[in-house]
Amino acid sequence: MAEPQRTTVYLDPELHRALRLKAAETDSNVSALVNQAVRAALADDLEDLQALEDRKAEPSRRFEEFLRDLRDDGLL
């Protein structure tokens, strides 16, 4: 594994306090919690990008048509 990189991140005081408390509760540290959160956010983005890629061949519909179909099906 590569050497960890150091960076400066400015957090709201309330968020920093919550991170410190969570770190103490979980026997972790703020850096580990931030790394986990960033990994989770990036994984969500990757899943979203993959879903877009998987669906790019699907035909597109106008939003108005989509709403009309929802109403016609009783879903709105």
N, C-alpha and C. Protein backbone atom coordinates (compact mmCIF):
# COMPACT_ATOMS: atom_id res chain seq x y z
N MET A 1 0.84 -1.18 0.00
CA MET A 1 0.00 0.00 0.00
C MET A 1 0.89 1.24 0.00
N ALA A 2 0.45 2.26 -0.70
CA ALA A 2 1.22 3.50 -0.80
C ALA A 2 1.22 4.25 0.53
N GLU A 3 2.20 5.07 0.65
CA GLU A 3 2.32 5.91 1.85
C GLU A 3 1.13 6.87 1.93
N PRO A 4 0.49 7.01 3.09
CA PRO A 4 -0.63 7.94 3.22
C PRO A 4 -0.20 9.37 2.88
N GLN A 5 -1.10 10.11 2.26
CA GLN A 5 -0.83 11.50 1.89
C GLN A 5 -1.47 12.41 2.92
N ARG A 6 -0.77 13.45 3.23
CA ARG A 6 -1.28 14.41 4.19
C ARG A 6 -1.95 15.56 3.44
N THR A 7 -3.08 16.02 3.97
CA THR A 7 -3.79 17.15 3.37
C THR A 7 -4.45 17.95 4.48
N THR A 8 -4.84 19.13 4.15
CA THR A 8 -5.54 19.98 5.11
C THR A 8 -6.99 20.07 4.68
N VAL A 9 -7.88 19.78 5.59
CA VAL A 9 -9.31 19.87 5.36
C VAL A 9 -9.90 20.73 6.46
N TYR A 10 -10.70 21.70 6.08
CA TYR A 10 -11.34 22.56 7.06
C TYR A 10 -12.76 22.06 7.30
N LEU A 11 -13.05 21.71 8.54
CA LEU A 11 -14.37 21.19 8.91
C LEU A 11 -15.10 22.19 9.79
N ASP A 12 -16.42 22.16 9.67
CA ASP A 12 -17.22 22.94 10.61
C ASP A 12 -16.93 22.42 12.02
N PRO A 13 -16.88 23.30 13.00
CA PRO A 13 -16.57 22.87 14.37
C PRO A 13 -17.49 21.75 14.88
N GLU A 14 -18.78 21.84 14.55
CA GLU A 14 -19.72 20.81 15.01
C GLU A 14 -19.41 19.46 14.37
N LEU A 15 -19.06 19.49 13.09
CA LEU A 15 -18.72 18.26 12.38
C LEU A 15 -17.43 17.66 12.94
N HIS A 16 -16.46 18.51 13.21
CA HIS A 16 -15.20 18.01 13.78
C HIS A 16 -15.43 17.38 15.15
N ARG A 17 -16.25 18.01 15.96
CA ARG A 17 -16.56 17.45 17.28
C ARG A 17 -17.26 16.11 17.14
N ALA A 18 -18.23 16.03 16.21
CA ALA A 18 -18.94 14.76 15.99
C ALA A 18 -17.99 13.67 15.51
N LEU A 19 -17.05 14.02 14.65
CA LEU A 19 -16.06 13.04 14.19
C LEU A 19 -15.18 12.56 15.34
N ARG A 20 -14.74 13.49 16.18
CA ARG A 20 -13.91 13.09 17.32
C ARG A 20 -14.67 12.16 18.26
N LEU A 21 -15.96 12.47 18.51
CA LEU A 21 -16.77 11.61 19.37
C LEU A 21 -16.97 10.23 18.74
N LYS A 22 -17.25 10.21 17.43
CA LYS A 22 -17.44 8.94 16.73
C LYS A 22 -16.15 8.12 16.75
N ALA A 23 -15.04 8.78 16.57
CA ALA A 23 -13.75 8.09 16.61
C ALA A 23 -13.53 7.46 17.99
N ALA A 24 -13.85 8.19 19.03
CA ALA A 24 -13.68 7.65 20.39
C ALA A 24 -14.62 6.48 20.63
N GLU A 25 -15.86 6.59 20.14
CA GLU A 25 -16.85 5.51 20.33
C GLU A 25 -16.45 4.24 19.60
N THR A 26 -15.81 4.39 18.46
CA THR A 26 -15.50 3.24 17.61
C THR A 26 -14.04 2.79 17.73
N ASP A 27 -13.32 3.38 18.67
CA ASP A 27 -11.90 3.07 18.86
C ASP A 27 -11.14 3.24 17.55
N SER A 28 -11.42 4.36 16.88
CA SER A 28 -10.82 4.68 15.60
C SER A 28 -10.18 6.05 15.71
N ASN A 29 -9.94 6.70 14.58
CA ASN A 29 -9.45 8.07 14.60
C ASN A 29 -10.14 8.86 13.49
N VAL A 30 -10.03 10.17 13.55
CA VAL A 30 -10.72 11.03 12.60
C VAL A 30 -10.26 10.73 11.18
N SER A 31 -8.98 10.51 10.97
CA SER A 31 -8.48 10.22 9.62
C SER A 31 -9.12 8.98 9.04
N ALA A 32 -9.23 7.93 9.83
CA ALA A 32 -9.85 6.69 9.35
C ALA A 32 -11.31 6.91 9.00
N LEU A 33 -12.03 7.66 9.83
CA LEU A 33 -13.43 7.94 9.54
C LEU A 33 -13.60 8.76 8.27
N VAL A 34 -12.74 9.76 8.08
CA VAL A 34 -12.81 10.57 6.87
C VAL A 34 -12.49 9.72 5.65
N ASN A 35 -11.47 8.86 5.73
CA ASN A 35 -11.14 7.97 4.62
C ASN A 35 -12.31 7.06 4.28
N GLN A 36 -12.97 6.51 5.29
CA GLN A 36 -14.13 5.64 5.05
C GLN A 36 -15.25 6.41 4.36
N ALA A 37 -15.50 7.62 4.80
CA ALA A 37 -16.57 8.43 4.22
C ALA A 37 -16.27 8.79 2.77
N VAL A 38 -15.04 9.15 2.48
CA VAL A 38 -14.66 9.49 1.11
C VAL A 38 -14.75 8.27 0.21
N ARG A 39 -14.28 7.12 0.70
CA ARG A 39 -14.40 5.89 -0.09
C ARG A 39 -15.86 5.57 -0.40
N ALA A 40 -16.73 5.71 0.59
CA ALA A 40 -18.15 5.43 0.40
C ALA A 40 -18.76 6.38 -0.63
N ALA A 41 -18.41 7.66 -0.54
CA ALA A 41 -18.94 8.65 -1.48
C ALA A 41 -18.46 8.35 -2.90
N LEU A 42 -17.19 8.02 -3.04
CA LEU A 42 -16.67 7.70 -4.37
C LEU A 42 -17.27 6.42 -4.91
N ALA A 43 -17.51 5.45 -4.05
CA ALA A 43 -18.13 4.19 -4.49
C ALA A 43 -19.55 4.45 -4.99
N ASP A 44 -20.29 5.32 -4.29
CA ASP A 44 -21.63 5.69 -4.74
C ASP A 44 -21.58 6.34 -6.12
N ASP A 45 -20.61 7.24 -6.31
CA ASP A 45 -20.46 7.89 -7.62
C ASP A 45 -20.14 6.86 -8.69
N LEU A 46 -19.27 5.92 -8.37
CA LEU A 46 -18.89 4.89 -9.34
C LEU A 46 -20.10 4.03 -9.71
N GLU A 47 -20.93 3.69 -8.72
CA GLU A 47 -22.15 2.92 -8.99
C GLU A 47 -23.09 3.72 -9.89
N ASP A 48 -23.23 5.02 -9.61
CA ASP A 48 -24.09 5.87 -10.43
C ASP A 48 -23.58 5.94 -11.87
N LEU A 49 -22.27 6.10 -12.02
CA LEU A 49 -21.69 6.16 -13.36
C LEU A 49 -21.88 4.85 -14.10
N GLN A 50 -21.74 3.74 -13.39
CA GLN A 50 -21.93 2.44 -14.02
C GLN A 50 -23.38 2.25 -14.44
N ALA A 51 -24.31 2.69 -13.60
CA ALA A 51 -25.73 2.58 -13.95
C ALA A 51 -26.04 3.40 -15.20
N LEU A 52 -25.46 4.59 -15.30
CA LEU A 52 -25.65 5.40 -16.51
C LEU A 52 -25.08 4.69 -17.74
N GLU A 53 -23.91 4.14 -17.59
CA GLU A 53 -23.28 3.41 -18.70
C GLU A 53 -24.13 2.22 -19.12
N ASP A 54 -24.65 1.48 -18.14
CA ASP A 54 -25.47 0.30 -18.43
C ASP A 54 -26.77 0.67 -19.14
N ARG A 55 -27.27 1.88 -18.90
CA ARG A 55 -28.58 2.26 -19.43
C ARG A 55 -28.49 3.22 -20.62
N LYS A 56 -27.29 3.51 -21.10
CA LYS A 56 -27.17 4.52 -22.15
C LYS A 56 -27.84 4.11 -23.46
N ALA A 57 -28.03 2.82 -23.69
CA ALA A 57 -28.67 2.37 -24.93
C ALA A 57 -30.19 2.41 -24.85
N GLU A 58 -30.74 2.64 -23.65
CA GLU A 58 -32.19 2.70 -23.50
C GLU A 58 -32.73 3.94 -24.19
N PRO A 59 -33.91 3.82 -24.76
CA PRO A 59 -34.49 5.01 -25.40
C PRO A 59 -34.84 6.06 -24.34
N SER A 60 -34.72 7.31 -24.73
CA SER A 60 -35.07 8.38 -23.80
C SER A 60 -36.54 8.75 -23.98
N ARG A 61 -37.10 9.32 -22.92
CA ARG A 61 -38.50 9.75 -22.94
C ARG A 61 -38.56 11.18 -22.45
N ARG A 62 -39.50 11.91 -22.98
CA ARG A 62 -39.72 13.26 -22.50
C ARG A 62 -40.33 13.18 -21.12
N PHE A 63 -39.97 14.11 -20.27
CA PHE A 63 -40.43 14.11 -18.89
C PHE A 63 -41.96 14.18 -18.83
N GLU A 64 -42.54 14.98 -19.71
CA GLU A 64 -44.00 15.11 -19.72
C GLU A 64 -44.67 13.76 -20.02
N GLU A 65 -44.07 12.98 -20.93
CA GLU A 65 -44.61 11.65 -21.25
C GLU A 65 -44.50 10.73 -20.04
N PHE A 66 -43.38 10.82 -19.38
CA PHE A 66 -43.16 9.99 -18.19
C PHE A 66 -44.20 10.29 -17.12
N LEU A 67 -44.44 11.58 -16.87
CA LEU A 67 -45.46 11.97 -15.88
C LEU A 67 -46.85 11.50 -16.30
N ARG A 68 -47.18 11.66 -17.57
CA ARG A 68 -48.48 11.23 -18.07
C ARG A 68 -48.67 9.73 -17.85
N ASP A 69 -47.62 8.95 -18.15
CA ASP A 69 -47.71 7.50 -17.97
C ASP A 69 -47.89 7.13 -16.50
N LEU A 70 -47.20 7.85 -15.61
CA LEU A 70 -47.37 7.60 -14.18
C LEU A 70 -48.80 7.90 -13.74
N ARG A 71 -49.34 9.00 -14.24
CA ARG A 71 -50.73 9.36 -13.90
C ARG A 71 -51.70 8.33 -14.46
N ASP A 72 -51.49 7.93 -15.71
CA ASP A 72 -52.36 6.95 -16.36
C ASP A 72 -52.34 5.60 -15.61
N ASP A 73 -51.17 5.27 -15.04
CA ASP A 73 -51.04 4.01 -14.30
C ASP A 73 -51.47 4.14 -12.85
N GLY A 74 -51.93 5.34 -12.47
CA GLY A 74 -52.37 5.56 -11.10
C GLY A 74 -51.25 5.64 -10.08
N LEU A 75 -50.04 5.89 -10.54
CA LEU A 75 -48.91 5.95 -9.62
C LEU A 75 -48.64 7.37 -9.13
N LEU A 76 -49.32 8.33 -9.73
CA LEU A 76 -49.21 9.73 -9.27
C LEU A 76 -50.59 10.28 -8.99
